[in-house]
Amino acid sequence: MSLQGRISELANKHRKLDQKIEEEEKRPAADTLRLKDLKRRKLKIKEELRWLEAS
């Protein structure tokens, strides 16, 4: 996979995680453990994106 393809794939995953986080936060009884996991995964992707874009 090309560098640009990987960046595009990660950006898409980042957007999907953001949507999942928003959906979870809208729930009356949001699952804090699920939110924490989703946010952790989103941050990991963001860090990888920054690293790839700097390359």
N, C-alpha and C. Protein backbone atom coordinates (compact mmCIF):
# COMPACT_ATOMS: atom_id res chain seq x y z
N MET A 1 0.85 -1.18 0.00
CA MET A 1 0.00 0.00 0.00
C MET A 1 0.90 1.24 0.00
N SER A 2 0.51 2.22 -0.76
CA SER A 2 1.29 3.45 -0.83
C SER A 2 1.12 4.27 0.45
N LEU A 3 2.02 5.20 0.63
CA LEU A 3 1.98 6.06 1.81
C LEU A 3 0.68 6.86 1.83
N GLN A 4 0.31 7.41 0.69
CA GLN A 4 -0.92 8.21 0.61
C GLN A 4 -2.15 7.34 0.88
N GLY A 5 -2.11 6.10 0.41
CA GLY A 5 -3.21 5.17 0.66
C GLY A 5 -3.36 4.86 2.14
N ARG A 6 -2.22 4.66 2.81
CA ARG A 6 -2.25 4.39 4.26
C ARG A 6 -2.78 5.59 5.02
N ILE A 7 -2.34 6.79 4.64
CA ILE A 7 -2.81 8.01 5.29
C ILE A 7 -4.32 8.14 5.11
N SER A 8 -4.80 7.89 3.90
CA SER A 8 -6.23 7.97 3.62
C SER A 8 -7.01 6.96 4.45
N GLU A 9 -6.50 5.74 4.54
CA GLU A 9 -7.16 4.70 5.32
C GLU A 9 -7.24 5.09 6.80
N LEU A 10 -6.13 5.60 7.34
CA LEU A 10 -6.12 6.00 8.74
C LEU A 10 -7.04 7.18 9.00
N ALA A 11 -7.07 8.13 8.07
CA ALA A 11 -7.96 9.28 8.23
C ALA A 11 -9.42 8.83 8.25
N ASN A 12 -9.75 7.85 7.43
CA ASN A 12 -11.12 7.31 7.40
C ASN A 12 -11.45 6.63 8.72
N LYS A 13 -10.52 5.83 9.24
CA LYS A 13 -10.73 5.17 10.54
C LYS A 13 -10.90 6.21 11.64
N HIS A 14 -10.13 7.28 11.57
CA HIS A 14 -10.20 8.34 12.57
C HIS A 14 -11.59 8.98 12.57
N ARG A 15 -12.12 9.25 11.38
CA ARG A 15 -13.46 9.84 11.27
C ARG A 15 -14.53 8.89 11.81
N LYS A 16 -14.40 7.60 11.50
CA LYS A 16 -15.38 6.62 11.98
C LYS A 16 -15.35 6.52 13.51
N LEU A 17 -14.15 6.55 14.08
CA LEU A 17 -14.06 6.50 15.55
C LEU A 17 -14.68 7.75 16.15
N ASP A 18 -14.48 8.90 15.52
CA ASP A 18 -15.07 10.13 16.01
C ASP A 18 -16.59 10.02 16.02
N GLN A 19 -17.16 9.44 14.99
CA GLN A 19 -18.61 9.25 14.92
C GLN A 19 -19.08 8.31 16.03
N LYS A 20 -18.34 7.22 16.25
CA LYS A 20 -18.71 6.27 17.30
C LYS A 20 -18.66 6.94 18.67
N ILE A 21 -17.66 7.78 18.89
CA ILE A 21 -17.53 8.49 20.16
C ILE A 21 -18.74 9.41 20.36
N GLU A 22 -19.10 10.16 19.31
CA GLU A 22 -20.25 11.05 19.41
C GLU A 22 -21.53 10.27 19.71
N GLU A 23 -21.71 9.14 19.04
CA GLU A 23 -22.90 8.32 19.27
C GLU A 23 -22.95 7.81 20.71
N GLU A 24 -21.82 7.37 21.21
CA GLU A 24 -21.76 6.84 22.58
C GLU A 24 -22.04 7.95 23.59
N GLU A 25 -21.51 9.14 23.34
CA GLU A 25 -21.71 10.24 24.27
C GLU A 25 -23.16 10.71 24.31
N LYS A 26 -23.91 10.48 23.23
CA LYS A 26 -25.32 10.88 23.17
C LYS A 26 -26.22 9.95 23.95
N ARG A 27 -25.74 8.73 24.20
CA ARG A 27 -26.55 7.76 24.93
C ARG A 27 -26.76 8.24 26.37
N PRO A 28 -27.95 7.99 26.92
CA PRO A 28 -28.23 8.43 28.30
C PRO A 28 -27.26 7.82 29.32
N ALA A 29 -26.90 6.58 29.14
CA ALA A 29 -25.98 5.92 30.06
C ALA A 29 -24.74 5.48 29.27
N ALA A 30 -23.92 6.46 28.90
CA ALA A 30 -22.74 6.18 28.09
C ALA A 30 -21.80 5.24 28.83
N ASP A 31 -21.24 4.30 28.11
CA ASP A 31 -20.29 3.34 28.66
C ASP A 31 -18.92 4.01 28.71
N THR A 32 -18.49 4.37 29.91
CA THR A 32 -17.24 5.12 30.05
C THR A 32 -16.02 4.29 29.63
N LEU A 33 -16.06 2.98 29.85
CA LEU A 33 -14.94 2.15 29.43
C LEU A 33 -14.85 2.09 27.90
N ARG A 34 -16.00 1.99 27.25
CA ARG A 34 -16.01 1.97 25.78
C ARG A 34 -15.53 3.31 25.24
N LEU A 35 -15.98 4.42 25.85
CA LEU A 35 -15.54 5.74 25.42
C LEU A 35 -14.03 5.89 25.57
N LYS A 36 -13.51 5.43 26.68
CA LYS A 36 -12.07 5.52 26.93
C LYS A 36 -11.30 4.74 25.87
N ASP A 37 -11.78 3.55 25.54
CA ASP A 37 -11.12 2.72 24.53
C ASP A 37 -11.18 3.38 23.15
N LEU A 38 -12.35 3.90 22.78
CA LEU A 38 -12.50 4.55 21.49
C LEU A 38 -11.57 5.77 21.38
N LYS A 39 -11.51 6.56 22.44
CA LYS A 39 -10.65 7.74 22.42
C LYS A 39 -9.18 7.36 22.36
N ARG A 40 -8.81 6.29 23.04
CA ARG A 40 -7.43 5.83 23.01
C ARG A 40 -7.05 5.39 21.60
N ARG A 41 -7.95 4.64 20.96
CA ARG A 41 -7.70 4.18 19.59
C ARG A 41 -7.61 5.36 18.62
N LYS A 42 -8.48 6.35 18.82
CA LYS A 42 -8.48 7.53 17.96
C LYS A 42 -7.16 8.30 18.11
N LEU A 43 -6.69 8.43 19.34
CA LEU A 43 -5.43 9.14 19.58
C LEU A 43 -4.26 8.39 18.95
N LYS A 44 -4.26 7.07 19.04
CA LYS A 44 -3.19 6.26 18.45
C LYS A 44 -3.15 6.47 16.94
N ILE A 45 -4.31 6.49 16.30
CA ILE A 45 -4.39 6.72 14.86
C ILE A 45 -3.90 8.13 14.53
N LYS A 46 -4.29 9.10 15.33
CA LYS A 46 -3.87 10.49 15.09
C LYS A 46 -2.35 10.61 15.17
N GLU A 47 -1.75 9.95 16.13
CA GLU A 47 -0.30 9.98 16.26
C GLU A 47 0.38 9.33 15.06
N GLU A 48 -0.18 8.21 14.59
CA GLU A 48 0.40 7.55 13.42
C GLU A 48 0.25 8.42 12.18
N LEU A 49 -0.89 9.09 12.05
CA LEU A 49 -1.10 10.00 10.92
C LEU A 49 -0.06 11.12 10.92
N ARG A 50 0.16 11.72 12.08
CA ARG A 50 1.16 12.79 12.18
C ARG A 50 2.54 12.29 11.78
N TRP A 51 2.88 11.09 12.25
CA TRP A 51 4.17 10.51 11.94
C TRP A 51 4.33 10.27 10.44
N LEU A 52 3.29 9.70 9.82
CA LEU A 52 3.33 9.42 8.38
C LEU A 52 3.38 10.70 7.55
N GLU A 53 2.62 11.71 7.97
CA GLU A 53 2.59 12.96 7.22
C GLU A 53 3.92 13.70 7.34
N ALA A 54 4.62 13.50 8.43
CA ALA A 54 5.92 14.13 8.62
C ALA A 54 7.02 13.43 7.81
N SER A 55 6.75 12.20 7.40
CA SER A 55 7.76 11.41 6.66
C SER A 55 7.97 11.94 5.25
